[in-house]
Amino acid sequence: MIDKFREYEIFVDARENSNYYKGEILPFVNKLCRKNMTSGDIDGFIWDYRKKIYIVIEQKHIREKHSQSQDLHLQFINAILKSAAETDRFCDWTFYVFKIVGNPPFNESVIHNIDTSESKKINRKQLIDILEMKIKYEDI
């Protein structure tokens, strides 16, 4: 049986050889730290400081499991961003937390707005337009 640290080292080697872009800290936590807590990641965030729009993105494949802990985490991030929007510094910003369900090349996806619990079926162009902040989620 392989020990946990060796398993982590194998992951790091594989990452270096495969152009894998995720960070190293979560596999470190998952393999070497205590198990009675949750660790996870968010797929990304994008923002345009000129337009004052900030978007948090989590993507799932169509048949991929959706964990309660990650959904709770997305709700937590949404609550933090809502609080930020109530401050003088960020009151004129638009914040979104989205879960996008679809498979590459994203010809068709479902985008879930965590704040409103609303979901919309979108095509690739609409997804690009949302992510490039050309259109707002509300305008789909």
C-alpha atoms as a PDB file:
ATOM      1  CA  MET A   1       0.000   0.000   0.000  1.00  0.00           C
ATOM      2  CA  ILE A   2       1.281   3.457  -0.918  1.00  0.00           C
ATOM      3  CA  ASP A   3       1.661   5.999   1.902  1.00  0.00           C
ATOM      4  CA  LYS A   4      -0.169   9.313   1.796  1.00  0.00           C
ATOM      5  CA  PHE A   5       2.912  11.459   1.270  1.00  0.00           C
ATOM      6  CA  ARG A   6       4.096   9.298  -1.653  1.00  0.00           C
ATOM      7  CA  GLU A   7       0.614   9.568  -3.155  1.00  0.00           C
ATOM      8  CA  TYR A   8       0.888  13.360  -2.875  1.00  0.00           C
ATOM      9  CA  GLU A   9       4.348  13.291  -4.503  1.00  0.00           C
ATOM     10  CA  ILE A  10       2.932  11.247  -7.404  1.00  0.00           C
ATOM     11  CA  PHE A  11       0.216  13.887  -7.866  1.00  0.00           C
ATOM     12  CA  VAL A  12       2.810  16.699  -7.919  1.00  0.00           C
ATOM     13  CA  ASP A  13       4.918  14.803 -10.490  1.00  0.00           C
ATOM     14  CA  ALA A  14       1.875  14.121 -12.672  1.00  0.00           C
ATOM     15  CA  ARG A  15       0.842  17.767 -12.458  1.00  0.00           C
ATOM     16  CA  GLU A  16       4.261  18.978 -13.578  1.00  0.00           C
ATOM     17  CA  ASN A  17       4.221  16.598 -16.533  1.00  0.00           C
ATOM     18  CA  SER A  18       0.662  17.249 -17.723  1.00  0.00           C
ATOM     19  CA  ASN A  19       0.254  21.040 -17.695  1.00  0.00           C
ATOM     20  CA  TYR A  20      -2.301  20.755 -14.869  1.00  0.00           C
ATOM     21  CA  TYR A  21      -3.256  24.246 -13.684  1.00  0.00           C
ATOM     22  CA  LYS A  22      -4.859  23.661 -10.290  1.00  0.00           C
ATOM     23  CA  GLY A  23      -2.922  24.517  -7.167  1.00  0.00           C
ATOM     24  CA  GLU A  24      -0.897  22.113  -5.071  1.00  0.00           C
ATOM     25  CA  ILE A  25      -2.297  22.990  -1.656  1.00  0.00           C
ATOM     26  CA  LEU A  26      -5.655  21.152  -1.876  1.00  0.00           C
ATOM     27  CA  PRO A  27      -4.125  17.760  -2.730  1.00  0.00           C
ATOM     28  CA  PHE A  28      -1.694  18.401   0.136  1.00  0.00           C
ATOM     29  CA  VAL A  29      -4.617  19.067   2.508  1.00  0.00           C
ATOM     30  CA  ASN A  30      -6.655  16.126   1.163  1.00  0.00           C
ATOM     31  CA  LYS A  31      -3.811  13.634   1.502  1.00  0.00           C
ATOM     32  CA  LEU A  32      -1.987  14.804   4.619  1.00  0.00           C
ATOM     33  CA  CYS A  33      -4.366  16.742   6.884  1.00  0.00           C
ATOM     34  CA  ARG A  34      -7.206  15.614   9.143  1.00  0.00           C
ATOM     35  CA  LYS A  35     -10.323  14.171   7.513  1.00  0.00           C
ATOM     36  CA  ASN A  36     -13.036  15.629   9.748  1.00  0.00           C
ATOM     37  CA  MET A  37     -13.188  18.900   7.813  1.00  0.00           C
ATOM     38  CA  THR A  38     -13.990  19.862   4.250  1.00  0.00           C
ATOM     39  CA  SER A  39     -11.542  21.169   1.716  1.00  0.00           C
ATOM     40  CA  GLY A  40     -12.444  22.101  -1.809  1.00  0.00           C
ATOM     41  CA  ASP A  41     -11.880  24.549  -4.557  1.00  0.00           C
ATOM     42  CA  ILE A  42     -13.722  26.933  -6.775  1.00  0.00           C
ATOM     43  CA  ASP A  43     -13.012  26.650 -10.473  1.00  0.00           C
ATOM     44  CA  GLY A  44     -12.378  30.323 -10.904  1.00  0.00           C
ATOM     45  CA  PHE A  45     -13.306  33.919 -10.576  1.00  0.00           C
ATOM     46  CA  ILE A  46     -13.181  36.734 -13.069  1.00  0.00           C
ATOM     47  CA  TRP A  47     -13.612  40.417 -12.584  1.00  0.00           C
ATOM     48  CA  ASP A  48     -13.518  43.638 -14.500  1.00  0.00           C
ATOM     49  CA  TYR A  49     -12.541  46.447 -12.192  1.00  0.00           C
ATOM     50  CA  ARG A  50     -13.572  49.069 -14.753  1.00  0.00           C
ATOM     51  CA  LYS A  51     -17.077  47.640 -15.144  1.00  0.00           C
ATOM     52  CA  LYS A  52     -17.092  46.722 -11.428  1.00  0.00           C
ATOM     53  CA  ILE A  53     -18.300  43.176 -11.998  1.00  0.00           C
ATOM     54  CA  TYR A  54     -16.998  40.160 -10.078  1.00  0.00           C
ATOM     55  CA  ILE A  55     -18.019  36.597 -10.971  1.00  0.00           C
ATOM     56  CA  VAL A  56     -17.267  33.388  -9.056  1.00  0.00           C
ATOM     57  CA  ILE A  57     -17.541  30.246 -11.189  1.00  0.00           C
ATOM     58  CA  GLU A  58     -17.945  26.592 -10.323  1.00  0.00           C
ATOM     59  CA  GLN A  59     -18.321  24.173 -13.242  1.00  0.00           C
ATOM     60  CA  LYS A  60     -19.716  20.663 -13.120  1.00  0.00           C
ATOM     61  CA  HIS A  61     -19.994  18.106 -15.891  1.00  0.00           C
ATOM     62  CA  ILE A  62     -23.521  17.019 -16.758  1.00  0.00           C
ATOM     63  CA  ARG A  63     -23.413  13.734 -14.825  1.00  0.00           C
ATOM     64  CA  GLU A  64     -21.000  14.890 -12.133  1.00  0.00           C
ATOM     65  CA  LYS A  65     -21.993  14.663  -8.469  1.00  0.00           C
ATOM     66  CA  HIS A  66     -22.950  17.952  -6.796  1.00  0.00           C
ATOM     67  CA  SER A  67     -21.869  17.903  -3.173  1.00  0.00           C
ATOM     68  CA  GLN A  68     -23.869  19.591  -0.445  1.00  0.00           C
ATOM     69  CA  SER A  69     -20.697  20.951   1.114  1.00  0.00           C
ATOM     70  CA  GLN A  70     -19.659  22.679  -2.103  1.00  0.00           C
ATOM     71  CA  ASP A  71     -23.151  24.110  -2.625  1.00  0.00           C
ATOM     72  CA  LEU A  72     -23.039  25.415   0.949  1.00  0.00           C
ATOM     73  CA  HIS A  73     -19.643  26.930   0.224  1.00  0.00           C
ATOM     74  CA  LEU A  74     -21.017  28.695  -2.871  1.00  0.00           C
ATOM     75  CA  GLN A  75     -23.864  30.078  -0.728  1.00  0.00           C
ATOM     76  CA  PHE A  76     -21.310  31.219   1.848  1.00  0.00           C
ATOM     77  CA  ILE A  77     -19.282  33.048  -0.830  1.00  0.00           C
ATOM     78  CA  ASN A  78     -22.488  34.608  -2.128  1.00  0.00           C
ATOM     79  CA  ALA A  79     -23.344  35.875   1.375  1.00  0.00           C
ATOM     80  CA  ILE A  80     -19.878  37.400   1.737  1.00  0.00           C
ATOM     81  CA  LEU A  81     -20.214  39.173  -1.614  1.00  0.00           C
ATOM     82  CA  LYS A  82     -23.688  40.451  -0.686  1.00  0.00           C
ATOM     83  CA  SER A  83     -22.189  41.883   2.497  1.00  0.00           C
ATOM     84  CA  ALA A  84     -19.402  43.496   0.485  1.00  0.00           C
ATOM     85  CA  ALA A  85     -22.018  45.093  -1.795  1.00  0.00           C
ATOM     86  CA  GLU A  86     -23.454  46.850   1.251  1.00  0.00           C
ATOM     87  CA  THR A  87     -20.192  48.639   1.983  1.00  0.00           C
ATOM     88  CA  ASP A  88     -19.257  52.060   0.615  1.00  0.00           C
ATOM     89  CA  ARG A  89     -16.289  50.626  -1.254  1.00  0.00           C
ATOM     90  CA  PHE A  90     -18.252  47.995  -3.236  1.00  0.00           C
ATOM     91  CA  CYS A  91     -21.822  49.320  -3.272  1.00  0.00           C
ATOM     92  CA  ASP A  92     -21.610  50.044  -7.002  1.00  0.00           C
ATOM     93  CA  TRP A  93     -20.228  46.601  -7.920  1.00  0.00           C
ATOM     94  CA  THR A  94     -22.198  43.707  -9.389  1.00  0.00           C
ATOM     95  CA  PHE A  95     -21.407  40.296  -7.896  1.00  0.00           C
ATOM     96  CA  TYR A  96     -22.404  36.874  -9.206  1.00  0.00           C
ATOM     97  CA  VAL A  97     -21.789  33.339  -7.992  1.00  0.00           C
ATOM     98  CA  PHE A  98     -22.561  30.829 -10.744  1.00  0.00           C
ATOM     99  CA  LYS A  99     -22.554  27.072 -11.008  1.00  0.00           C
ATOM    100  CA  ILE A 100     -22.296  26.133 -14.663  1.00  0.00           C
ATOM    101  CA  VAL A 101     -23.349  22.594 -15.568  1.00  0.00           C
ATOM    102  CA  GLY A 102     -22.155  21.460 -18.962  1.00  0.00           C
ATOM    103  CA  ASN A 103     -19.487  19.562 -20.798  1.00  0.00           C
ATOM    104  CA  PRO A 104     -16.769  21.045 -23.003  1.00  0.00           C
ATOM    105  CA  PRO A 105     -17.041  22.603 -25.530  1.00  0.00           C
ATOM    106  CA  PHE A 106     -20.156  23.968 -23.760  1.00  0.00           C
ATOM    107  CA  ASN A 107     -22.458  23.993 -26.788  1.00  0.00           C
ATOM    108  CA  GLU A 108     -25.279  23.892 -24.273  1.00  0.00           C
ATOM    109  CA  SER A 109     -25.084  24.480 -20.513  1.00  0.00           C
ATOM    110  CA  VAL A 110     -27.231  25.337 -17.565  1.00  0.00           C
ATOM    111  CA  ILE A 111     -26.122  28.316 -15.508  1.00  0.00           C
ATOM    112  CA  HIS A 112     -27.332  28.487 -11.911  1.00  0.00           C
ATOM    113  CA  ASN A 113     -27.354  31.854 -10.169  1.00  0.00           C
ATOM    114  CA  ILE A 114     -26.585  31.003  -6.540  1.00  0.00           C
ATOM    115  CA  ASP A 115     -28.037  34.297  -5.280  1.00  0.00           C
ATOM    116  CA  THR A 116     -31.461  33.926  -6.903  1.00  0.00           C
ATOM    117  CA  SER A 117     -31.586  30.089  -7.144  1.00  0.00           C
ATOM    118  CA  GLU A 118     -32.582  30.638 -10.763  1.00  0.00           C
ATOM    119  CA  SER A 119     -31.287  28.468 -13.612  1.00  0.00           C
ATOM    120  CA  LYS A 120     -31.150  29.179 -17.324  1.00  0.00           C
ATOM    121  CA  LYS A 121     -30.281  26.983 -20.276  1.00  0.00           C
ATOM    122  CA  ILE A 122     -27.703  28.769 -22.421  1.00  0.00           C
ATOM    123  CA  ASN A 123     -25.644  28.157 -25.522  1.00  0.00           C
ATOM    124  CA  ARG A 124     -21.885  28.636 -25.907  1.00  0.00           C
ATOM    125  CA  LYS A 125     -22.170  32.200 -27.248  1.00  0.00           C
ATOM    126  CA  GLN A 126     -24.339  33.252 -24.311  1.00  0.00           C
ATOM    127  CA  LEU A 127     -21.860  31.653 -21.898  1.00  0.00           C
ATOM    128  CA  ILE A 128     -18.975  33.527 -23.507  1.00  0.00           C
ATOM    129  CA  ASP A 129     -20.951  36.770 -23.456  1.00  0.00           C
ATOM    130  CA  ILE A 130     -21.703  36.345 -19.735  1.00  0.00           C
ATOM    131  CA  LEU A 131     -18.108  35.449 -18.884  1.00  0.00           C
ATOM    132  CA  GLU A 132     -16.800  38.355 -20.975  1.00  0.00           C
ATOM    133  CA  MET A 133     -19.335  40.565 -19.171  1.00  0.00           C
ATOM    134  CA  LYS A 134     -20.938  41.664 -22.456  1.00  0.00           C
ATOM    135  CA  ILE A 135     -24.356  40.706 -21.141  1.00  0.00           C
ATOM    136  CA  LYS A 136     -25.753  40.285 -17.657  1.00  0.00           C
ATOM    137  CA  TYR A 137     -27.300  37.067 -16.433  1.00  0.00           C
ATOM    138  CA  GLU A 138     -30.594  38.909 -15.986  1.00  0.00           C
ATOM    139  CA  ASP A 139     -30.642  39.813 -19.698  1.00  0.00           C
ATOM    140  CA  ILE A 140     -30.646  36.231 -20.970  1.00  0.00           C
END
